Amino acid sequence: MYWLATSENEVHFIDAVISAYDGVATVRREYKVEDGETFYRVFVAAGMEAEFLEILERLKSKADIRCVQREEP
């Protein structure tokens, strides 16, 4: 599972892009606030972490993704 620091408006765009890659990840509207930054939860499918991270790298040039945190199980 990952947490993405972004805005409420951007999370919708990020969700739409990630959803286009069937079965990679699910962006949730569940969030947490740390040091004034809002992080949204992303569930990544088993075996899809590398592809998810590649998508995020490409997305960073189009979307306001300020931080990516990986949560250990």
N, C-alpha and C. Protein backbone atom coordinates (compact mmCIF):
# COMPACT_ATOMS: atom_id res chain seq x y z
N MET A 1 0.84 -1.16 0.00
CA MET A 1 0.00 0.00 0.00
C MET A 1 0.89 1.24 0.00
N TYR A 2 0.40 2.27 -0.67
CA TYR A 2 1.12 3.53 -0.78
C TYR A 2 0.23 4.68 -0.35
N TRP A 3 0.87 5.78 -0.03
CA TRP A 3 0.20 7.04 0.25
C TRP A 3 0.79 8.09 -0.67
N LEU A 4 -0.07 8.87 -1.33
CA LEU A 4 0.37 9.94 -2.24
C LEU A 4 -0.02 11.28 -1.66
N ALA A 5 0.94 12.18 -1.56
CA ALA A 5 0.65 13.55 -1.13
C ALA A 5 0.25 14.35 -2.36
N THR A 6 -1.00 14.81 -2.36
CA THR A 6 -1.52 15.58 -3.47
C THR A 6 -2.75 16.34 -2.99
N SER A 7 -3.36 17.09 -3.88
CA SER A 7 -4.56 17.85 -3.52
C SER A 7 -5.81 17.02 -3.81
N GLU A 8 -6.92 17.45 -3.26
CA GLU A 8 -8.19 16.76 -3.50
C GLU A 8 -8.55 16.79 -4.98
N ASN A 9 -8.30 17.91 -5.65
CA ASN A 9 -8.59 18.01 -7.08
C ASN A 9 -7.70 17.06 -7.89
N GLU A 10 -6.43 17.00 -7.56
CA GLU A 10 -5.49 16.16 -8.31
C GLU A 10 -5.75 14.68 -8.12
N VAL A 11 -6.24 14.28 -6.95
CA VAL A 11 -6.44 12.85 -6.70
C VAL A 11 -7.45 12.27 -7.69
N HIS A 12 -8.39 13.06 -8.15
CA HIS A 12 -9.36 12.58 -9.15
C HIS A 12 -8.67 12.30 -10.49
N PHE A 13 -7.79 13.21 -10.89
CA PHE A 13 -7.03 13.01 -12.13
C PHE A 13 -6.12 11.79 -12.02
N ILE A 14 -5.41 11.68 -10.91
CA ILE A 14 -4.50 10.55 -10.69
C ILE A 14 -5.27 9.24 -10.71
N ASP A 15 -6.43 9.23 -10.07
CA ASP A 15 -7.28 8.03 -10.06
C ASP A 15 -7.70 7.64 -11.47
N ALA A 16 -8.09 8.62 -12.28
CA ALA A 16 -8.53 8.33 -13.65
C ALA A 16 -7.40 7.71 -14.47
N VAL A 17 -6.20 8.24 -14.32
CA VAL A 17 -5.06 7.71 -15.08
C VAL A 17 -4.72 6.29 -14.61
N ILE A 18 -4.60 6.10 -13.31
CA ILE A 18 -4.24 4.78 -12.80
C ILE A 18 -5.33 3.75 -13.11
N SER A 19 -6.58 4.16 -13.08
CA SER A 19 -7.68 3.24 -13.40
C SER A 19 -7.63 2.77 -14.85
N ALA A 20 -7.01 3.54 -15.72
CA ALA A 20 -6.90 3.15 -17.12
C ALA A 20 -5.98 1.93 -17.28
N TYR A 21 -5.12 1.70 -16.30
CA TYR A 21 -4.24 0.53 -16.30
C TYR A 21 -4.94 -0.54 -15.47
N ASP A 22 -5.71 -1.36 -16.12
CA ASP A 22 -6.57 -2.34 -15.46
C ASP A 22 -5.79 -3.24 -14.51
N GLY A 23 -6.24 -3.27 -13.26
CA GLY A 23 -5.69 -4.20 -12.29
C GLY A 23 -4.40 -3.81 -11.63
N VAL A 24 -3.90 -2.59 -11.87
CA VAL A 24 -2.62 -2.18 -11.28
C VAL A 24 -2.81 -1.69 -9.85
N ALA A 25 -3.72 -0.75 -9.66
CA ALA A 25 -3.90 -0.15 -8.34
C ALA A 25 -5.27 0.49 -8.23
N THR A 26 -5.66 0.77 -6.98
CA THR A 26 -6.91 1.44 -6.69
C THR A 26 -6.62 2.63 -5.80
N VAL A 27 -6.99 3.82 -6.27
CA VAL A 27 -6.81 5.04 -5.49
C VAL A 27 -8.06 5.23 -4.64
N ARG A 28 -7.86 5.46 -3.36
CA ARG A 28 -8.97 5.66 -2.44
C ARG A 28 -9.07 7.12 -2.04
N ARG A 29 -10.24 7.54 -1.62
CA ARG A 29 -10.41 8.91 -1.12
C ARG A 29 -10.10 8.99 0.37
N GLU A 30 -9.71 7.85 0.93
CA GLU A 30 -9.28 7.81 2.33
C GLU A 30 -7.96 8.58 2.43
N TYR A 31 -7.83 9.42 3.44
CA TYR A 31 -6.62 10.22 3.53
C TYR A 31 -6.15 10.37 4.97
N LYS A 32 -4.92 10.85 5.08
CA LYS A 32 -4.34 11.20 6.37
C LYS A 32 -3.60 12.51 6.18
N VAL A 33 -3.42 13.23 7.26
CA VAL A 33 -2.69 14.50 7.21
C VAL A 33 -1.46 14.37 8.09
N GLU A 34 -0.30 14.64 7.50
CA GLU A 34 0.97 14.61 8.23
C GLU A 34 1.71 15.90 7.93
N ASP A 35 2.08 16.61 8.96
CA ASP A 35 2.82 17.87 8.81
C ASP A 35 2.16 18.82 7.82
N GLY A 36 0.83 18.88 7.86
CA GLY A 36 0.09 19.79 6.99
C GLY A 36 -0.09 19.30 5.56
N GLU A 37 0.39 18.11 5.25
CA GLU A 37 0.30 17.54 3.90
C GLU A 37 -0.77 16.45 3.89
N THR A 38 -1.64 16.47 2.88
CA THR A 38 -2.69 15.46 2.75
C THR A 38 -2.21 14.32 1.87
N PHE A 39 -2.30 13.09 2.40
CA PHE A 39 -1.89 11.89 1.69
C PHE A 39 -3.12 11.02 1.43
N TYR A 40 -3.25 10.54 0.19
CA TYR A 40 -4.36 9.66 -0.18
C TYR A 40 -3.84 8.24 -0.32
N ARG A 41 -4.65 7.29 0.10
CA ARG A 41 -4.27 5.87 0.12
C ARG A 41 -4.41 5.25 -1.28
N VAL A 42 -3.44 4.43 -1.63
CA VAL A 42 -3.46 3.69 -2.90
C VAL A 42 -3.14 2.23 -2.60
N PHE A 43 -4.03 1.34 -3.01
CA PHE A 43 -3.79 -0.09 -2.88
C PHE A 43 -3.22 -0.59 -4.20
N VAL A 44 -2.06 -1.21 -4.15
CA VAL A 44 -1.40 -1.72 -5.34
C VAL A 44 -1.58 -3.23 -5.38
N ALA A 45 -1.99 -3.75 -6.53
CA ALA A 45 -2.21 -5.19 -6.69
C ALA A 45 -0.89 -5.96 -6.55
N ALA A 46 -1.01 -7.16 -6.05
CA ALA A 46 0.17 -8.03 -5.90
C ALA A 46 0.88 -8.20 -7.24
N GLY A 47 2.18 -8.03 -7.22
CA GLY A 47 2.98 -8.21 -8.43
C GLY A 47 2.96 -7.02 -9.38
N MET A 48 2.27 -5.93 -9.01
CA MET A 48 2.14 -4.78 -9.91
C MET A 48 2.89 -3.54 -9.40
N GLU A 49 3.68 -3.69 -8.37
CA GLU A 49 4.35 -2.54 -7.76
C GLU A 49 5.29 -1.82 -8.74
N ALA A 50 6.08 -2.56 -9.49
CA ALA A 50 7.02 -1.94 -10.43
C ALA A 50 6.26 -1.14 -11.49
N GLU A 51 5.19 -1.71 -12.03
CA GLU A 51 4.40 -0.99 -13.04
C GLU A 51 3.75 0.25 -12.43
N PHE A 52 3.22 0.13 -11.21
CA PHE A 52 2.62 1.27 -10.52
C PHE A 52 3.64 2.40 -10.36
N LEU A 53 4.84 2.07 -9.93
CA LEU A 53 5.87 3.10 -9.74
C LEU A 53 6.27 3.74 -11.06
N GLU A 54 6.30 2.97 -12.14
CA GLU A 54 6.59 3.54 -13.47
C GLU A 54 5.50 4.53 -13.87
N ILE A 55 4.25 4.16 -13.63
CA ILE A 55 3.13 5.05 -13.95
C ILE A 55 3.26 6.34 -13.15
N LEU A 56 3.57 6.23 -11.86
CA LEU A 56 3.72 7.42 -11.03
C LEU A 56 4.83 8.33 -11.54
N GLU A 57 5.94 7.75 -11.96
CA GLU A 57 7.04 8.56 -12.48
C GLU A 57 6.60 9.38 -13.68
N ARG A 58 5.83 8.75 -14.58
CA ARG A 58 5.33 9.48 -15.75
C ARG A 58 4.29 10.52 -15.34
N LEU A 59 3.47 10.18 -14.35
CA LEU A 59 2.42 11.09 -13.89
C LEU A 59 2.97 12.34 -13.23
N LYS A 60 4.12 12.25 -12.61
CA LYS A 60 4.70 13.39 -11.89
C LYS A 60 4.90 14.60 -12.77
N SER A 61 5.05 14.39 -14.07
CA SER A 61 5.22 15.54 -14.97
C SER A 61 3.88 16.20 -15.30
N LYS A 62 2.77 15.54 -15.01
CA LYS A 62 1.43 16.06 -15.34
C LYS A 62 0.59 16.37 -14.11
N ALA A 63 0.88 15.70 -13.00
CA ALA A 63 0.05 15.84 -11.80
C ALA A 63 0.89 16.33 -10.63
N ASP A 64 0.23 16.97 -9.70
CA ASP A 64 0.90 17.48 -8.51
C ASP A 64 1.01 16.37 -7.46
N ILE A 65 2.06 15.56 -7.61
CA ILE A 65 2.35 14.50 -6.64
C ILE A 65 3.58 14.97 -5.88
N ARG A 66 3.37 15.35 -4.64
CA ARG A 66 4.45 15.96 -3.85
C ARG A 66 5.30 14.95 -3.09
N CYS A 67 4.72 13.81 -2.77
CA CYS A 67 5.45 12.80 -2.00
C CYS A 67 4.78 11.46 -2.19
N VAL A 68 5.57 10.40 -2.17
CA VAL A 68 5.07 9.03 -2.26
C VAL A 68 5.64 8.27 -1.08
N GLN A 69 4.76 7.67 -0.28
CA GLN A 69 5.19 6.87 0.87
C GLN A 69 4.72 5.44 0.69
N ARG A 70 5.63 4.50 0.92
CA ARG A 70 5.26 3.09 0.89
C ARG A 70 5.01 2.65 2.33
N GLU A 71 3.87 2.02 2.56
CA GLU A 71 3.54 1.54 3.90
C GLU A 71 3.82 0.06 3.96
N GLU A 72 4.64 -0.32 4.91
CA GLU A 72 4.96 -1.74 5.08
C GLU A 72 3.77 -2.45 5.73
N PRO A 73 3.49 -3.68 5.29
CA PRO A 73 2.36 -4.43 5.89
C PRO A 73 2.60 -4.80 7.34
